[in-house]
Amino acid sequence: MIGVEKRTEAATTPCLAMRPARAAVALDVSERLLRDWIASGIIPSVRVGGVVLVPVRAAERRLDELSRASEAQPPLAPEAKRPYSSPAH
């Protein structure tokens, strides 16, 4: 599970949603990219009062989609793996 559980002495409450900054960290993307995904509908969000929240399950689904997309691409040819060198000026 991507979300962090909040622990109390009585019970453990699972994290159901995260603010965009925390969701971006959990997905290892920039907050700007995450907000673009929210704006374009790629990842859903809810507004509670003035706070935007990303459901943990939505973040997990997006991570699964990205994982499947990267698995579907063929591996790079050896010549494509060479480190980038800047062109001569």
Protein backbone atom coordinates (compact mmCIF):
# COMPACT_ATOMS: atom_id res chain seq x y z
CA MET A 1 0.00 0.00 0.00
CA ILE A 2 1.35 3.41 -0.93
CA GLY A 3 -0.22 5.35 1.94
CA VAL A 4 1.28 5.42 5.38
CA GLU A 5 -0.84 4.08 8.20
CA LYS A 6 -1.54 6.28 11.16
CA ARG A 7 -1.06 4.39 14.39
CA THR A 8 -2.84 5.00 17.65
CA GLU A 9 -2.87 2.89 20.78
CA ALA A 10 -6.43 1.75 20.10
CA ALA A 11 -6.21 0.86 16.41
CA THR A 12 -4.40 1.28 13.14
CA THR A 13 -6.19 3.52 10.65
CA PRO A 14 -5.18 3.09 7.01
CA CYS A 15 -4.38 6.18 5.00
CA LEU A 16 -7.16 6.57 2.42
CA ALA A 17 -6.02 9.75 0.67
CA MET A 18 -2.97 11.99 0.39
CA ARG A 19 -2.35 15.60 -0.46
CA PRO A 20 -0.72 16.07 -3.89
CA ALA A 21 2.77 16.73 -2.50
CA ARG A 22 2.73 13.47 -0.55
CA ALA A 23 1.21 11.54 -3.46
CA ALA A 24 3.96 12.87 -5.76
CA VAL A 25 6.63 11.64 -3.34
CA ALA A 26 4.90 8.25 -3.06
CA LEU A 27 4.87 7.93 -6.88
CA ASP A 28 8.39 9.39 -7.26
CA VAL A 29 7.21 12.09 -9.68
CA SER A 30 7.25 15.87 -9.44
CA GLU A 31 4.34 17.60 -7.79
CA ARG A 32 3.85 19.53 -11.05
CA LEU A 33 3.47 16.28 -13.05
CA LEU A 34 1.02 14.92 -10.49
CA ARG A 35 -1.05 18.12 -10.67
CA ASP A 36 -1.02 17.85 -14.49
CA TRP A 37 -2.32 14.27 -14.18
CA ILE A 38 -5.06 15.51 -11.84
CA ALA A 39 -6.03 18.37 -14.18
CA SER A 40 -6.19 16.04 -17.20
CA GLY A 41 -8.14 13.35 -15.35
CA ILE A 42 -5.35 10.75 -15.53
CA ILE A 43 -5.46 10.43 -11.77
CA PRO A 44 -8.63 11.32 -9.84
CA SER A 45 -8.77 13.63 -6.89
CA VAL A 46 -11.39 14.91 -4.48
CA ARG A 47 -11.73 18.29 -2.87
CA VAL A 48 -12.64 18.35 0.81
CA GLY A 49 -13.16 21.92 1.87
CA GLY A 50 -10.20 23.71 0.33
CA VAL A 51 -7.94 20.66 0.33
CA VAL A 52 -7.24 18.51 -2.73
CA LEU A 53 -6.78 14.83 -1.92
CA VAL A 54 -5.60 11.93 -4.07
CA PRO A 55 -7.12 8.60 -3.07
CA VAL A 56 -4.40 6.03 -2.25
CA ARG A 57 -6.09 3.47 -4.52
CA ALA A 58 -5.94 5.93 -7.44
CA ALA A 59 -2.20 6.41 -6.88
CA GLU A 60 -1.72 2.63 -6.73
CA ARG A 61 -3.68 2.19 -9.99
CA ARG A 62 -1.54 4.83 -11.73
CA LEU A 63 1.63 3.09 -10.53
CA ASP A 64 0.30 -0.23 -11.92
CA GLU A 65 -0.49 1.45 -15.27
CA LEU A 66 3.01 2.90 -15.50
CA SER A 67 4.52 -0.46 -14.58
CA ARG A 68 2.53 -2.30 -17.26
CA ALA A 69 3.42 0.34 -19.86
CA SER A 70 7.14 0.03 -19.14
CA GLU A 71 6.96 -3.79 -19.32
CA ALA A 72 5.25 -3.60 -22.72
CA GLN A 73 8.08 -1.58 -24.28
CA PRO A 74 10.95 -3.52 -25.86
CA PRO A 75 14.35 -3.18 -24.17
CA LEU A 76 16.72 -0.56 -25.54
CA ALA A 77 19.33 -1.65 -28.07
CA PRO A 78 22.90 -1.55 -26.69
CA GLU A 79 23.76 1.55 -28.77
CA ALA A 80 20.75 3.38 -27.31
CA LYS A 81 22.02 2.80 -23.76
CA ARG A 82 25.18 4.86 -24.21
CA PRO A 83 25.44 7.81 -21.84
CA TYR A 84 24.48 11.17 -23.28
CA SER A 85 27.36 13.29 -24.51
CA SER A 86 26.86 16.91 -25.35
CA PRO A 87 27.54 17.97 -28.93
CA ALA A 88 30.75 19.84 -29.67
CA HIS A 89 30.34 23.60 -29.74
